[in-house]
Amino acid sequence: LATYLQELKRADQEFMFKLETIKNGR
């Protein structure tokens, strides 16, 4: 996922995303 978003940002400087994560039981 991170690589995918990074590539999109490289191709489109105005590309915007907001990613949120959450901690699992481990």
mmCIF file of all heavy atoms, coordinates in Angstrom:
data_MODEL
# 
_entry.id   MODEL 
# 
loop_
_atom_site.group_PDB 
_atom_site.id 
_atom_site.type_symbol 
_atom_site.label_atom_id 
_atom_site.label_alt_id 
_atom_site.label_comp_id 
_atom_site.label_asym_id 
_atom_site.label_entity_id 
_atom_site.label_seq_id 
_atom_site.pdbx_PDB_ins_code 
_atom_site.Cartn_x 
_atom_site.Cartn_y 
_atom_site.Cartn_z 
_atom_site.occupancy 
_atom_site.B_iso_or_equiv 
_atom_site.pdbx_formal_charge 
_atom_site.auth_seq_id 
_atom_site.auth_comp_id 
_atom_site.auth_asym_id 
_atom_site.auth_atom_id 
_atom_site.pdbx_PDB_model_num 
ATOM 1   N N   . LEU A 1 1  ? 0.812  -1.210  0.000   1.00 0.00 ? 1  LEU A N   1 
ATOM 2   C CA  . LEU A 1 1  ? 0.000  0.000   0.000   1.00 0.00 ? 1  LEU A CA  1 
ATOM 3   C C   . LEU A 1 1  ? 0.849  1.265   0.000   1.00 0.00 ? 1  LEU A C   1 
ATOM 4   O O   . LEU A 1 1  ? 0.601  2.192   -0.766  1.00 0.00 ? 1  LEU A O   1 
ATOM 5   C CB  . LEU A 1 1  ? -0.942 -0.004  1.211   1.00 0.00 ? 1  LEU A CB  1 
ATOM 6   C CG  . LEU A 1 1  ? -1.921 1.169   1.303   1.00 0.00 ? 1  LEU A CG  1 
ATOM 7   C CD1 . LEU A 1 1  ? -2.784 1.247   0.045   1.00 0.00 ? 1  LEU A CD1 1 
ATOM 8   C CD2 . LEU A 1 1  ? -2.813 1.015   2.527   1.00 0.00 ? 1  LEU A CD2 1 
ATOM 9   N N   . ALA A 1 2  ? 1.864  1.305   0.862   1.00 0.00 ? 2  ALA A N   1 
ATOM 10  C CA  . ALA A 1 2  ? 2.722  2.490   0.942   1.00 0.00 ? 2  ALA A CA  1 
ATOM 11  C C   . ALA A 1 2  ? 3.438  2.733   -0.382  1.00 0.00 ? 2  ALA A C   1 
ATOM 12  O O   . ALA A 1 2  ? 3.551  3.878   -0.849  1.00 0.00 ? 2  ALA A O   1 
ATOM 13  C CB  . ALA A 1 2  ? 3.728  2.325   2.079   1.00 0.00 ? 2  ALA A CB  1 
ATOM 14  N N   . THR A 1 3  ? 3.918  1.664   -1.017  1.00 0.00 ? 3  THR A N   1 
ATOM 15  C CA  . THR A 1 3  ? 4.609  1.788   -2.305  1.00 0.00 ? 3  THR A CA  1 
ATOM 16  C C   . THR A 1 3  ? 3.655  2.298   -3.377  1.00 0.00 ? 3  THR A C   1 
ATOM 17  O O   . THR A 1 3  ? 4.019  3.134   -4.214  1.00 0.00 ? 3  THR A O   1 
ATOM 18  C CB  . THR A 1 3  ? 5.181  0.428   -2.730  1.00 0.00 ? 3  THR A CB  1 
ATOM 19  O OG1 . THR A 1 3  ? 6.028  -0.061  -1.691  1.00 0.00 ? 3  THR A OG1 1 
ATOM 20  C CG2 . THR A 1 3  ? 5.977  0.553   -4.010  1.00 0.00 ? 3  THR A CG2 1 
ATOM 21  N N   . TYR A 1 4  ? 2.437  1.803   -3.350  1.00 0.00 ? 4  TYR A N   1 
ATOM 22  C CA  . TYR A 1 4  ? 1.415  2.227   -4.306  1.00 0.00 ? 4  TYR A CA  1 
ATOM 23  C C   . TYR A 1 4  ? 1.124  3.718   -4.170  1.00 0.00 ? 4  TYR A C   1 
ATOM 24  O O   . TYR A 1 4  ? 1.094  4.462   -5.160  1.00 0.00 ? 4  TYR A O   1 
ATOM 25  C CB  . TYR A 1 4  ? 0.154  1.404   -4.071  1.00 0.00 ? 4  TYR A CB  1 
ATOM 26  C CG  . TYR A 1 4  ? -1.062 1.873   -4.825  1.00 0.00 ? 4  TYR A CG  1 
ATOM 27  C CD1 . TYR A 1 4  ? -1.157 1.729   -6.208  1.00 0.00 ? 4  TYR A CD1 1 
ATOM 28  C CD2 . TYR A 1 4  ? -2.130 2.449   -4.146  1.00 0.00 ? 4  TYR A CD2 1 
ATOM 29  C CE1 . TYR A 1 4  ? -2.282 2.161   -6.899  1.00 0.00 ? 4  TYR A CE1 1 
ATOM 30  C CE2 . TYR A 1 4  ? -3.262 2.877   -4.829  1.00 0.00 ? 4  TYR A CE2 1 
ATOM 31  C CZ  . TYR A 1 4  ? -3.333 2.729   -6.204  1.00 0.00 ? 4  TYR A CZ  1 
ATOM 32  O OH  . TYR A 1 4  ? -4.440 3.160   -6.875  1.00 0.00 ? 4  TYR A OH  1 
ATOM 33  N N   . LEU A 1 5  ? 0.950  4.182   -2.949  1.00 0.00 ? 5  LEU A N   1 
ATOM 34  C CA  . LEU A 1 5  ? 0.657  5.598   -2.711  1.00 0.00 ? 5  LEU A CA  1 
ATOM 35  C C   . LEU A 1 5  ? 1.846  6.475   -3.086  1.00 0.00 ? 5  LEU A C   1 
ATOM 36  O O   . LEU A 1 5  ? 1.681  7.571   -3.631  1.00 0.00 ? 5  LEU A O   1 
ATOM 37  C CB  . LEU A 1 5  ? 0.294  5.807   -1.239  1.00 0.00 ? 5  LEU A CB  1 
ATOM 38  C CG  . LEU A 1 5  ? -1.020 5.149   -0.783  1.00 0.00 ? 5  LEU A CG  1 
ATOM 39  C CD1 . LEU A 1 5  ? -1.189 5.304   0.719   1.00 0.00 ? 5  LEU A CD1 1 
ATOM 40  C CD2 . LEU A 1 5  ? -2.221 5.745   -1.514  1.00 0.00 ? 5  LEU A CD2 1 
ATOM 41  N N   . GLN A 1 6  ? 3.042  5.994   -2.815  1.00 0.00 ? 6  GLN A N   1 
ATOM 42  C CA  . GLN A 1 6  ? 4.250  6.743   -3.166  1.00 0.00 ? 6  GLN A CA  1 
ATOM 43  C C   . GLN A 1 6  ? 4.374  6.908   -4.677  1.00 0.00 ? 6  GLN A C   1 
ATOM 44  O O   . GLN A 1 6  ? 4.746  7.967   -5.172  1.00 0.00 ? 6  GLN A O   1 
ATOM 45  C CB  . GLN A 1 6  ? 5.488  6.029   -2.617  1.00 0.00 ? 6  GLN A CB  1 
ATOM 46  C CG  . GLN A 1 6  ? 6.789  6.788   -2.848  1.00 0.00 ? 6  GLN A CG  1 
ATOM 47  C CD  . GLN A 1 6  ? 7.979  6.066   -2.240  1.00 0.00 ? 6  GLN A CD  1 
ATOM 48  O OE1 . GLN A 1 6  ? 7.846  4.984   -1.687  1.00 0.00 ? 6  GLN A OE1 1 
ATOM 49  N NE2 . GLN A 1 6  ? 9.149  6.665   -2.350  1.00 0.00 ? 6  GLN A NE2 1 
ATOM 50  N N   . GLU A 1 7  ? 4.047  5.865   -5.416  1.00 0.00 ? 7  GLU A N   1 
ATOM 51  C CA  . GLU A 1 7  ? 4.117  5.927   -6.870  1.00 0.00 ? 7  GLU A CA  1 
ATOM 52  C C   . GLU A 1 7  ? 3.068  6.883   -7.427  1.00 0.00 ? 7  GLU A C   1 
ATOM 53  O O   . GLU A 1 7  ? 3.332  7.629   -8.377  1.00 0.00 ? 7  GLU A O   1 
ATOM 54  C CB  . GLU A 1 7  ? 3.922  4.525   -7.456  1.00 0.00 ? 7  GLU A CB  1 
ATOM 55  C CG  . GLU A 1 7  ? 4.009  4.450   -8.968  1.00 0.00 ? 7  GLU A CG  1 
ATOM 56  C CD  . GLU A 1 7  ? 5.361  4.872   -9.517  1.00 0.00 ? 7  GLU A CD  1 
ATOM 57  O OE1 . GLU A 1 7  ? 6.344  4.857   -8.745  1.00 0.00 ? 7  GLU A OE1 1 
ATOM 58  O OE2 . GLU A 1 7  ? 5.435  5.227   -10.712 1.00 0.00 ? 7  GLU A OE2 1 
ATOM 59  N N   . LEU A 1 8  ? 1.883  6.879   -6.854  1.00 0.00 ? 8  LEU A N   1 
ATOM 60  C CA  . LEU A 1 8  ? 0.853  7.817   -7.282  1.00 0.00 ? 8  LEU A CA  1 
ATOM 61  C C   . LEU A 1 8  ? 1.288  9.257   -7.029  1.00 0.00 ? 8  LEU A C   1 
ATOM 62  O O   . LEU A 1 8  ? 1.065  10.146  -7.853  1.00 0.00 ? 8  LEU A O   1 
ATOM 63  C CB  . LEU A 1 8  ? -0.458 7.531   -6.542  1.00 0.00 ? 8  LEU A CB  1 
ATOM 64  C CG  . LEU A 1 8  ? -1.219 6.270   -6.955  1.00 0.00 ? 8  LEU A CG  1 
ATOM 65  C CD1 . LEU A 1 8  ? -2.426 6.065   -6.056  1.00 0.00 ? 8  LEU A CD1 1 
ATOM 66  C CD2 . LEU A 1 8  ? -1.677 6.354   -8.416  1.00 0.00 ? 8  LEU A CD2 1 
ATOM 67  N N   . LYS A 1 9  ? 1.918  9.487   -5.902  1.00 0.00 ? 9  LYS A N   1 
ATOM 68  C CA  . LYS A 1 9  ? 2.399  10.830  -5.571  1.00 0.00 ? 9  LYS A CA  1 
ATOM 69  C C   . LYS A 1 9  ? 3.495  11.262  -6.528  1.00 0.00 ? 9  LYS A C   1 
ATOM 70  O O   . LYS A 1 9  ? 3.586  12.437  -6.896  1.00 0.00 ? 9  LYS A O   1 
ATOM 71  C CB  . LYS A 1 9  ? 2.913  10.843  -4.123  1.00 0.00 ? 9  LYS A CB  1 
ATOM 72  C CG  . LYS A 1 9  ? 3.225  12.230  -3.598  1.00 0.00 ? 9  LYS A CG  1 
ATOM 73  C CD  . LYS A 1 9  ? 1.965  13.061  -3.424  1.00 0.00 ? 9  LYS A CD  1 
ATOM 74  C CE  . LYS A 1 9  ? 2.248  14.408  -2.806  1.00 0.00 ? 9  LYS A CE  1 
ATOM 75  N NZ  . LYS A 1 9  ? 1.023  15.234  -2.683  1.00 0.00 ? 9  LYS A NZ  1 
ATOM 76  N N   . ARG A 1 10 ? 4.335  10.328  -6.938  1.00 0.00 ? 10 ARG A N   1 
ATOM 77  C CA  . ARG A 1 10 ? 5.399  10.646  -7.894  1.00 0.00 ? 10 ARG A CA  1 
ATOM 78  C C   . ARG A 1 10 ? 4.824  11.032  -9.247  1.00 0.00 ? 10 ARG A C   1 
ATOM 79  O O   . ARG A 1 10 ? 5.305  11.950  -9.910  1.00 0.00 ? 10 ARG A O   1 
ATOM 80  C CB  . ARG A 1 10 ? 6.318  9.434   -8.059  1.00 0.00 ? 10 ARG A CB  1 
ATOM 81  C CG  . ARG A 1 10 ? 7.529  9.688   -8.963  1.00 0.00 ? 10 ARG A CG  1 
ATOM 82  C CD  . ARG A 1 10 ? 8.215  8.393   -9.346  1.00 0.00 ? 10 ARG A CD  1 
ATOM 83  N NE  . ARG A 1 10 ? 7.339  7.572   -10.169 1.00 0.00 ? 10 ARG A NE  1 
ATOM 84  C CZ  . ARG A 1 10 ? 7.170  7.782   -11.484 1.00 0.00 ? 10 ARG A CZ  1 
ATOM 85  N NH1 . ARG A 1 10 ? 7.788  8.795   -12.093 1.00 0.00 ? 10 ARG A NH1 1 
ATOM 86  N NH2 . ARG A 1 10 ? 6.378  7.001   -12.170 1.00 0.00 ? 10 ARG A NH2 1 
ATOM 87  N N   . ALA A 1 11 ? 3.756  10.332  -9.666  1.00 0.00 ? 11 ALA A N   1 
ATOM 88  C CA  . ALA A 1 11 ? 3.152  10.596  -10.970 1.00 0.00 ? 11 ALA A CA  1 
ATOM 89  C C   . ALA A 1 11 ? 2.272  11.846  -10.970 1.00 0.00 ? 11 ALA A C   1 
ATOM 90  O O   . ALA A 1 11 ? 2.106  12.490  -11.994 1.00 0.00 ? 11 ALA A O   1 
ATOM 91  C CB  . ALA A 1 11 ? 2.333  9.377   -11.404 1.00 0.00 ? 11 ALA A CB  1 
ATOM 92  N N   . ASP A 1 12 ? 1.713  12.190  -9.817  1.00 0.00 ? 12 ASP A N   1 
ATOM 93  C CA  . ASP A 1 12 ? 0.803  13.332  -9.718  1.00 0.00 ? 12 ASP A CA  1 
ATOM 94  C C   . ASP A 1 12 ? 1.131  14.101  -8.439  1.00 0.00 ? 12 ASP A C   1 
ATOM 95  O O   . ASP A 1 12 ? 0.761  13.700  -7.350  1.00 0.00 ? 12 ASP A O   1 
ATOM 96  C CB  . ASP A 1 12 ? -0.641 12.834  -9.695  1.00 0.00 ? 12 ASP A CB  1 
ATOM 97  C CG  . ASP A 1 12 ? -1.665 13.970  -9.608  1.00 0.00 ? 12 ASP A CG  1 
ATOM 98  O OD1 . ASP A 1 12 ? -1.257 15.147  -9.587  1.00 0.00 ? 12 ASP A OD1 1 
ATOM 99  O OD2 . ASP A 1 12 ? -2.869 13.675  -9.559  1.00 0.00 ? 12 ASP A OD2 1 
ATOM 100 N N   . GLN A 1 13 ? 1.830  15.220  -8.586  1.00 0.00 ? 13 GLN A N   1 
ATOM 101 C CA  . GLN A 1 13 ? 2.275  15.984  -7.428  1.00 0.00 ? 13 GLN A CA  1 
ATOM 102 C C   . GLN A 1 13 ? 1.112  16.520  -6.601  1.00 0.00 ? 13 GLN A C   1 
ATOM 103 O O   . GLN A 1 13 ? 1.252  16.764  -5.399  1.00 0.00 ? 13 GLN A O   1 
ATOM 104 C CB  . GLN A 1 13 ? 3.174  17.147  -7.873  1.00 0.00 ? 13 GLN A CB  1 
ATOM 105 C CG  . GLN A 1 13 ? 4.487  16.706  -8.514  1.00 0.00 ? 13 GLN A CG  1 
ATOM 106 C CD  . GLN A 1 13 ? 5.358  15.927  -7.549  1.00 0.00 ? 13 GLN A CD  1 
ATOM 107 O OE1 . GLN A 1 13 ? 5.497  16.274  -6.375  1.00 0.00 ? 13 GLN A OE1 1 
ATOM 108 N NE2 . GLN A 1 13 ? 5.953  14.842  -8.036  1.00 0.00 ? 13 GLN A NE2 1 
ATOM 109 N N   . GLU A 1 14 ? -0.034 16.710  -7.223  1.00 0.00 ? 14 GLU A N   1 
ATOM 110 C CA  . GLU A 1 14 ? -1.205 17.219  -6.520  1.00 0.00 ? 14 GLU A CA  1 
ATOM 111 C C   . GLU A 1 14 ? -2.105 16.102  -5.998  1.00 0.00 ? 14 GLU A C   1 
ATOM 112 O O   . GLU A 1 14 ? -3.174 16.362  -5.466  1.00 0.00 ? 14 GLU A O   1 
ATOM 113 C CB  . GLU A 1 14 ? -2.011 18.138  -7.450  1.00 0.00 ? 14 GLU A CB  1 
ATOM 114 C CG  . GLU A 1 14 ? -1.243 19.368  -7.909  1.00 0.00 ? 14 GLU A CG  1 
ATOM 115 C CD  . GLU A 1 14 ? -0.800 20.244  -6.746  1.00 0.00 ? 14 GLU A CD  1 
ATOM 116 O OE1 . GLU A 1 14 ? -1.575 20.378  -5.779  1.00 0.00 ? 14 GLU A OE1 1 
ATOM 117 O OE2 . GLU A 1 14 ? 0.312  20.784  -6.809  1.00 0.00 ? 14 GLU A OE2 1 
ATOM 118 N N   . PHE A 1 15 ? -1.683 14.865  -6.193  1.00 0.00 ? 15 PHE A N   1 
ATOM 119 C CA  . PHE A 1 15 ? -2.437 13.730  -5.666  1.00 0.00 ? 15 PHE A CA  1 
ATOM 120 C C   . PHE A 1 15 ? -2.495 13.832  -4.143  1.00 0.00 ? 15 PHE A C   1 
ATOM 121 O O   . PHE A 1 15 ? -1.500 14.100  -3.484  1.00 0.00 ? 15 PHE A O   1 
ATOM 122 C CB  . PHE A 1 15 ? -1.757 12.424  -6.087  1.00 0.00 ? 15 PHE A CB  1 
ATOM 123 C CG  . PHE A 1 15 ? -2.218 11.209  -5.335  1.00 0.00 ? 15 PHE A CG  1 
ATOM 124 C CD1 . PHE A 1 15 ? -3.473 10.670  -5.568  1.00 0.00 ? 15 PHE A CD1 1 
ATOM 125 C CD2 . PHE A 1 15 ? -1.401 10.609  -4.386  1.00 0.00 ? 15 PHE A CD2 1 
ATOM 126 C CE1 . PHE A 1 15 ? -3.899 9.543   -4.878  1.00 0.00 ? 15 PHE A CE1 1 
ATOM 127 C CE2 . PHE A 1 15 ? -1.820 9.486   -3.693  1.00 0.00 ? 15 PHE A CE2 1 
ATOM 128 C CZ  . PHE A 1 15 ? -3.072 8.948   -3.941  1.00 0.00 ? 15 PHE A CZ  1 
ATOM 129 N N   . MET A 1 16 ? -3.680 13.633  -3.586  1.00 0.00 ? 16 MET A N   1 
ATOM 130 C CA  . MET A 1 16 ? -3.847 13.753  -2.152  1.00 0.00 ? 16 MET A CA  1 
ATOM 131 C C   . MET A 1 16 ? -4.395 12.460  -1.571  1.00 0.00 ? 16 MET A C   1 
ATOM 132 O O   . MET A 1 16 ? -5.288 11.837  -2.156  1.00 0.00 ? 16 MET A O   1 
ATOM 133 C CB  . MET A 1 16 ? -4.810 14.891  -1.809  1.00 0.00 ? 16 MET A CB  1 
ATOM 134 C CG  . MET A 1 16 ? -4.812 15.268  -0.330  1.00 0.00 ? 16 MET A CG  1 
ATOM 135 S SD  . MET A 1 16 ? -6.191 16.359  0.112   1.00 0.00 ? 16 MET A SD  1 
ATOM 136 C CE  . MET A 1 16 ? -7.447 15.167  0.541   1.00 0.00 ? 16 MET A CE  1 
ATOM 137 N N   . PHE A 1 17 ? -3.834 12.044  -0.452  1.00 0.00 ? 17 PHE A N   1 
ATOM 138 C CA  . PHE A 1 17 ? -4.370 10.879  0.234   1.00 0.00 ? 17 PHE A CA  1 
ATOM 139 C C   . PHE A 1 17 ? -4.218 11.071  1.736   1.00 0.00 ? 17 PHE A C   1 
ATOM 140 O O   . PHE A 1 17 ? -3.376 11.836  2.215   1.00 0.00 ? 17 PHE A O   1 
ATOM 141 C CB  . PHE A 1 17 ? -3.651 9.590   -0.205  1.00 0.00 ? 17 PHE A CB  1 
ATOM 142 C CG  . PHE A 1 17 ? -2.225 9.488   0.286   1.00 0.00 ? 17 PHE A CG  1 
ATOM 143 C CD1 . PHE A 1 17 ? -1.933 8.901   1.515   1.00 0.00 ? 17 PHE A CD1 1 
ATOM 144 C CD2 . PHE A 1 17 ? -1.178 9.972   -0.488  1.00 0.00 ? 17 PHE A CD2 1 
ATOM 145 C CE1 . PHE A 1 17 ? -0.625 8.809   1.965   1.00 0.00 ? 17 PHE A CE1 1 
ATOM 146 C CE2 . PHE A 1 17 ? 0.141  9.882   -0.040  1.00 0.00 ? 17 PHE A CE2 1 
ATOM 147 C CZ  . PHE A 1 17 ? 0.414  9.296   1.189   1.00 0.00 ? 17 PHE A CZ  1 
ATOM 148 N N   . LYS A 1 18 ? -5.049 10.365  2.464   1.00 0.00 ? 18 LYS A N   1 
ATOM 149 C CA  . LYS A 1 18 ? -4.968 10.361  3.913   1.00 0.00 ? 18 LYS A CA  1 
ATOM 150 C C   . LYS A 1 18 ? -5.125 8.923   4.372   1.00 0.00 ? 18 LYS A C   1 
ATOM 151 O O   . LYS A 1 18 ? -6.168 8.303   4.172   1.00 0.00 ? 18 LYS A O   1 
ATOM 152 C CB  . LYS A 1 18 ? -6.052 11.245  4.531   1.00 0.00 ? 18 LYS A CB  1 
ATOM 153 C CG  . LYS A 1 18 ? -5.905 11.407  6.051   1.00 0.00 ? 18 LYS A CG  1 
ATOM 154 C CD  . LYS A 1 18 ? -6.904 12.407  6.601   1.00 0.00 ? 18 LYS A CD  1 
ATOM 155 C CE  . LYS A 1 18 ? -6.722 12.587  8.107   1.00 0.00 ? 18 LYS A CE  1 
ATOM 156 N NZ  . LYS A 1 18 ? -7.697 13.558  8.666   1.00 0.00 ? 18 LYS A NZ  1 
ATOM 157 N N   . LEU A 1 19 ? -4.069 8.403   4.972   1.00 0.00 ? 19 LEU A N   1 
ATOM 158 C CA  . LEU A 1 19 ? -4.037 7.012   5.400   1.00 0.00 ? 19 LEU A CA  1 
ATOM 159 C C   . LEU A 1 19 ? -4.008 6.944   6.921   1.00 0.00 ? 19 LEU A C   1 
ATOM 160 O O   . LEU A 1 19 ? -3.214 7.635   7.561   1.00 0.00 ? 19 LEU A O   1 
ATOM 161 C CB  . LEU A 1 19 ? -2.803 6.313   4.828   1.00 0.00 ? 19 LEU A CB  1 
ATOM 162 C CG  . LEU A 1 19 ? -2.511 4.896   5.333   1.00 0.00 ? 19 LEU A CG  1 
ATOM 163 C CD1 . LEU A 1 19 ? -3.621 3.938   4.914   1.00 0.00 ? 19 LEU A CD1 1 
ATOM 164 C CD2 . LEU A 1 19 ? -1.160 4.410   4.809   1.00 0.00 ? 19 LEU A CD2 1 
ATOM 165 N N   . GLU A 1 20 ? -4.865 6.127   7.483   1.00 0.00 ? 20 GLU A N   1 
ATOM 166 C CA  . GLU A 1 20 ? -4.875 5.927   8.929   1.00 0.00 ? 20 GLU A CA  1 
ATOM 167 C C   . GLU A 1 20 ? -4.765 4.438   9.229   1.00 0.00 ? 20 GLU A C   1 
ATOM 168 O O   . GLU A 1 20 ? -5.355 3.601   8.541   1.00 0.00 ? 20 GLU A O   1 
ATOM 169 C CB  . GLU A 1 20 ? -6.148 6.499   9.555   1.00 0.00 ? 20 GLU A CB  1 
ATOM 170 C CG  . GLU A 1 20 ? -6.188 8.018   9.537   1.00 0.00 ? 20 GLU A CG  1 
ATOM 171 C CD  . GLU A 1 20 ? -7.268 8.594   10.437  1.00 0.00 ? 20 GLU A CD  1 
ATOM 172 O OE1 . GLU A 1 20 ? -8.018 7.795   11.044  1.00 0.00 ? 20 GLU A OE1 1 
ATOM 173 O OE2 . GLU A 1 20 ? -7.367 9.832   10.542  1.00 0.00 ? 20 GLU A OE2 1 
ATOM 174 N N   . THR A 1 21 ? -3.983 4.137   10.255  1.00 0.00 ? 21 THR A N   1 
ATOM 175 C CA  . THR A 1 21 ? -3.808 2.754   10.683  1.00 0.00 ? 21 THR A CA  1 
ATOM 176 C C   . THR A 1 21 ? -4.287 2.604   12.121  1.00 0.00 ? 21 THR A C   1 
ATOM 177 O O   . THR A 1 21 ? -4.550 3.583   12.813  1.00 0.00 ? 21 THR A O   1 
ATOM 178 C CB  . THR A 1 21 ? -2.320 2.342   10.596  1.00 0.00 ? 21 THR A CB  1 
ATOM 179 O OG1 . THR A 1 21 ? -1.538 3.203   11.442  1.00 0.00 ? 21 THR A OG1 1 
ATOM 180 C CG2 . THR A 1 21 ? -1.819 2.448   9.165   1.00 0.00 ? 21 THR A CG2 1 
ATOM 181 N N   . ILE A 1 22 ? -4.380 1.364   12.550  1.00 0.00 ? 22 ILE A N   1 
ATOM 182 C CA  . ILE A 1 22 ? -4.802 1.066   13.910  1.00 0.00 ? 22 ILE A CA  1 
ATOM 183 C C   . ILE A 1 22 ? -3.994 -0.130  14.403  1.00 0.00 ? 22 ILE A C   1 
ATOM 184 O O   . ILE A 1 22 ? -3.598 -0.990  13.613  1.00 0.00 ? 22 ILE A O   1 
ATOM 185 C CB  . ILE A 1 22 ? -6.320 0.766   13.950  1.00 0.00 ? 22 ILE A CB  1 
ATOM 186 C CG1 . ILE A 1 22 ? -6.806 0.675   15.388  1.00 0.00 ? 22 ILE A CG1 1 
ATOM 187 C CG2 . ILE A 1 22 ? -6.660 -0.483  13.156  1.00 0.00 ? 22 ILE A CG2 1 
ATOM 188 C CD1 . ILE A 1 22 ? -8.324 0.557   15.501  1.00 0.00 ? 22 ILE A CD1 1 
ATOM 189 N N   . LYS A 1 23 ? -3.709 -0.171  15.695  1.00 0.00 ? 23 LYS A N   1 
ATOM 190 C CA  . LYS A 1 23 ? -2.937 -1.283  16.244  1.00 0.00 ? 23 LYS A CA  1 
ATOM 191 C C   . LYS A 1 23 ? -3.836 -2.494  16.455  1.00 0.00 ? 23 LYS A C   1 
ATOM 192 O O   . LYS A 1 23 ? -4.928 -2.395  16.997  1.00 0.00 ? 23 LYS A O   1 
ATOM 193 C CB  . LYS A 1 23 ? -2.292 -0.880  17.570  1.00 0.00 ? 23 LYS A CB  1 
ATOM 194 C CG  . LYS A 1 23 ? -1.082 0.029   17.423  1.00 0.00 ? 23 LYS A CG  1 
ATOM 195 C CD  . LYS A 1 23 ? -0.401 0.253   18.764  1.00 0.00 ? 23 LYS A CD  1 
ATOM 196 C CE  . LYS A 1 23 ? 0.851  1.110   18.611  1.00 0.00 ? 23 LYS A CE  1 
ATOM 197 N NZ  . LYS A 1 23 ? 1.538  1.303   19.907  1.00 0.00 ? 23 LYS A NZ  1 
ATOM 198 N N   . ASN A 1 24 ? -3.326 -3.659  16.013  1.00 0.00 ? 24 ASN A N   1 
ATOM 199 C CA  . ASN A 1 24 ? -4.078 -4.891  16.240  1.00 0.00 ? 24 ASN A CA  1 
ATOM 200 C C   . ASN A 1 24 ? -3.720 -5.479  17.609  1.00 0.00 ? 24 ASN A C   1 
ATOM 201 O O   . ASN A 1 24 ? -3.018 -4.854  18.406  1.00 0.00 ? 24 ASN A O   1 
ATOM 202 C CB  . ASN A 1 24 ? -3.810 -5.906  15.121  1.00 0.00 ? 24 ASN A CB  1 
ATOM 203 C CG  . ASN A 1 24 ? -2.334 -6.298  15.030  1.00 0.00 ? 24 ASN A CG  1 
ATOM 204 O OD1 . ASN A 1 24 ? -1.542 -6.040  15.942  1.00 0.00 ? 24 ASN A OD1 1 
ATOM 205 N ND2 . ASN A 1 24 ? -1.976 -6.934  13.935  1.00 0.00 ? 24 ASN A ND2 1 
ATOM 206 N N   . GLY A 1 25 ? -4.184 -6.682  17.873  1.00 0.00 ? 25 GLY A N   1 
ATOM 207 C CA  . GLY A 1 25 ? -3.954 -7.297  19.178  1.00 0.00 ? 25 GLY A CA  1 
ATOM 208 C C   . GLY A 1 25 ? -2.499 -7.572  19.479  1.00 0.00 ? 25 GLY A C   1 
ATOM 209 O O   . GLY A 1 25 ? -2.115 -7.722  20.650  1.00 0.00 ? 25 GLY A O   1 
ATOM 210 N N   . ARG A 1 26 ? -1.652 -7.626  18.439  1.00 0.00 ? 26 ARG A N   1 
ATOM 211 C CA  . ARG A 1 26 ? -0.217 -7.877  18.630  1.00 0.00 ? 26 ARG A CA  1 
ATOM 212 C C   . ARG A 1 26 ? 0.604  -6.595  18.653  1.00 0.00 ? 26 ARG A C   1 
ATOM 213 O O   . ARG A 1 26 ? 1.828  -6.632  18.635  1.00 0.00 ? 26 ARG A O   1 
ATOM 214 C CB  . ARG A 1 26 ? 0.299  -8.799  17.516  1.00 0.00 ? 26 ARG A CB  1 
ATOM 215 C CG  . ARG A 1 26 ? -0.316 -10.196 17.554  1.00 0.00 ? 26 ARG A CG  1 
ATOM 216 C CD  . ARG A 1 26 ? 0.115  -11.010 16.355  1.00 0.00 ? 26 ARG A CD  1 
ATOM 217 N NE  . ARG A 1 26 ? -0.426 -10.451 15.119  1.00 0.00 ? 26 ARG A NE  1 
ATOM 218 C CZ  . ARG A 1 26 ? -0.132 -10.932 13.914  1.00 0.00 ? 26 ARG A CZ  1 
ATOM 219 N NH1 . ARG A 1 26 ? 0.692  -11.951 13.793  1.00 0.00 ? 26 ARG A NH1 1 
ATOM 220 N NH2 . ARG A 1 26 ? -0.663 -10.386 12.849  1.00 0.00 ? 26 ARG A NH2 1 
# 
